[in-house]
Amino acid sequence: MYGGGVFDFLASILFWVVGVFLLVWLIREFSKPKVGGDHHETHHAKNPLEILKERYAKGEITKKEFESKKIDLLS
């Protein structure tokens, strides 16, 4: 006759809850974009204002062009 009863039932429930939690955690951990050592950009689309700021910072456009384009973008 099997004599485990309630303890075995609770232990099996705990086992499955912990197992599902670990599985979800692992999936989320390995699907995060990597930050640090790899200098590739993440798959995040830049908005037009960020691109405009980068172009100005690189010296590709003048301050006058930057201000004019910024006004166009924000209106």
C-alpha atoms as a PDB file:
ATOM      1  CA  MET A   1       0.000   0.000   0.000  1.00  0.00           C
ATOM      2  CA  TYR A   2       1.221   3.508  -0.824  1.00  0.00           C
ATOM      3  CA  GLY A   3       1.630   5.653   2.302  1.00  0.00           C
ATOM      4  CA  GLY A   4       2.946   9.029   1.074  1.00  0.00           C
ATOM      5  CA  GLY A   5      -0.298  10.923   1.110  1.00  0.00           C
ATOM      6  CA  VAL A   6      -0.393  14.677   1.372  1.00  0.00           C
ATOM      7  CA  PHE A   7       3.380  15.159   1.613  1.00  0.00           C
ATOM      8  CA  ASP A   8       4.013  13.432  -1.726  1.00  0.00           C
ATOM      9  CA  PHE A   9       1.217  15.407  -3.357  1.00  0.00           C
ATOM     10  CA  LEU A  10       2.621  18.741  -2.121  1.00  0.00           C
ATOM     11  CA  ALA A  11       6.156  17.751  -3.085  1.00  0.00           C
ATOM     12  CA  SER A  12       5.065  16.937  -6.645  1.00  0.00           C
ATOM     13  CA  ILE A  13       3.173  20.242  -6.930  1.00  0.00           C
ATOM     14  CA  LEU A  14       6.250  22.114  -5.652  1.00  0.00           C
ATOM     15  CA  PHE A  15       8.459  20.231  -8.117  1.00  0.00           C
ATOM     16  CA  TRP A  16       6.314  21.286 -11.090  1.00  0.00           C
ATOM     17  CA  VAL A  17       5.969  24.895  -9.919  1.00  0.00           C
ATOM     18  CA  VAL A  18       9.750  25.230  -9.504  1.00  0.00           C
ATOM     19  CA  GLY A  19      10.342  23.483 -12.846  1.00  0.00           C
ATOM     20  CA  VAL A  20       7.993  25.813 -14.738  1.00  0.00           C
ATOM     21  CA  PHE A  21       9.486  28.853 -12.985  1.00  0.00           C
ATOM     22  CA  LEU A  22      13.019  27.808 -13.981  1.00  0.00           C
ATOM     23  CA  LEU A  23      11.965  27.140 -17.565  1.00  0.00           C
ATOM     24  CA  VAL A  24      10.348  30.584 -17.892  1.00  0.00           C
ATOM     25  CA  TRP A  25      13.362  32.241 -16.259  1.00  0.00           C
ATOM     26  CA  LEU A  26      15.801  30.487 -18.612  1.00  0.00           C
ATOM     27  CA  ILE A  27      13.796  31.444 -21.690  1.00  0.00           C
ATOM     28  CA  ARG A  28      13.628  35.088 -20.601  1.00  0.00           C
ATOM     29  CA  GLU A  29      17.319  35.182 -19.629  1.00  0.00           C
ATOM     30  CA  PHE A  30      18.564  33.817 -22.941  1.00  0.00           C
ATOM     31  CA  SER A  31      16.208  35.920 -25.065  1.00  0.00           C
ATOM     32  CA  LYS A  32      17.471  39.240 -23.632  1.00  0.00           C
ATOM     33  CA  PRO A  33      19.684  41.321 -25.920  1.00  0.00           C
ATOM     34  CA  LYS A  34      23.324  41.032 -24.931  1.00  0.00           C
ATOM     35  CA  VAL A  35      24.930  44.142 -23.453  1.00  0.00           C
ATOM     36  CA  GLY A  36      28.621  44.677 -23.010  1.00  0.00           C
ATOM     37  CA  GLY A  37      31.436  42.874 -24.780  1.00  0.00           C
ATOM     38  CA  ASP A  38      29.692  42.692 -28.129  1.00  0.00           C
ATOM     39  CA  HIS A  39      29.598  46.130 -29.745  1.00  0.00           C
ATOM     40  CA  HIS A  40      26.812  45.333 -32.168  1.00  0.00           C
ATOM     41  CA  GLU A  41      23.731  47.488 -31.915  1.00  0.00           C
ATOM     42  CA  THR A  42      20.673  45.893 -30.404  1.00  0.00           C
ATOM     43  CA  HIS A  43      17.618  45.432 -32.594  1.00  0.00           C
ATOM     44  CA  HIS A  44      16.066  48.701 -31.508  1.00  0.00           C
ATOM     45  CA  ALA A  45      14.788  51.075 -34.144  1.00  0.00           C
ATOM     46  CA  LYS A  46      15.984  54.630 -33.694  1.00  0.00           C
ATOM     47  CA  ASN A  47      13.477  57.399 -33.937  1.00  0.00           C
ATOM     48  CA  PRO A  48      14.131  60.235 -36.406  1.00  0.00           C
ATOM     49  CA  LEU A  49      15.168  62.700 -33.700  1.00  0.00           C
ATOM     50  CA  GLU A  50      17.861  60.293 -32.411  1.00  0.00           C
ATOM     51  CA  ILE A  51      19.195  59.910 -35.949  1.00  0.00           C
ATOM     52  CA  LEU A  52      19.202  63.682 -36.408  1.00  0.00           C
ATOM     53  CA  LYS A  53      21.136  64.154 -33.141  1.00  0.00           C
ATOM     54  CA  GLU A  54      23.690  61.563 -34.218  1.00  0.00           C
ATOM     55  CA  ARG A  55      24.175  63.259 -37.594  1.00  0.00           C
ATOM     56  CA  TYR A  56      24.733  66.596 -35.871  1.00  0.00           C
ATOM     57  CA  ALA A  57      27.160  65.037 -33.379  1.00  0.00           C
ATOM     58  CA  LYS A  58      29.138  63.464 -36.226  1.00  0.00           C
ATOM     59  CA  GLY A  59      29.343  66.815 -38.001  1.00  0.00           C
ATOM     60  CA  GLU A  60      27.318  65.665 -41.003  1.00  0.00           C
ATOM     61  CA  ILE A  61      24.938  68.648 -40.679  1.00  0.00           C
ATOM     62  CA  THR A  62      25.334  72.188 -39.373  1.00  0.00           C
ATOM     63  CA  LYS A  63      23.609  73.616 -36.313  1.00  0.00           C
ATOM     64  CA  LYS A  64      21.290  75.605 -38.569  1.00  0.00           C
ATOM     65  CA  GLU A  65      20.290  72.451 -40.480  1.00  0.00           C
ATOM     66  CA  PHE A  66      19.859  70.576 -37.192  1.00  0.00           C
ATOM     67  CA  GLU A  67      17.545  73.218 -35.729  1.00  0.00           C
ATOM     68  CA  SER A  68      15.528  73.442 -38.929  1.00  0.00           C
ATOM     69  CA  LYS A  69      15.069  69.680 -39.232  1.00  0.00           C
ATOM     70  CA  LYS A  70      14.299  69.353 -35.510  1.00  0.00           C
ATOM     71  CA  ILE A  71      11.486  71.898 -35.852  1.00  0.00           C
ATOM     72  CA  ASP A  72      10.126  69.956 -38.839  1.00  0.00           C
ATOM     73  CA  LEU A  73      10.211  66.687 -36.901  1.00  0.00           C
ATOM     74  CA  LEU A  74       8.570  68.056 -33.777  1.00  0.00           C
ATOM     75  CA  SER A  75       5.741  69.856 -35.578  1.00  0.00           C
END
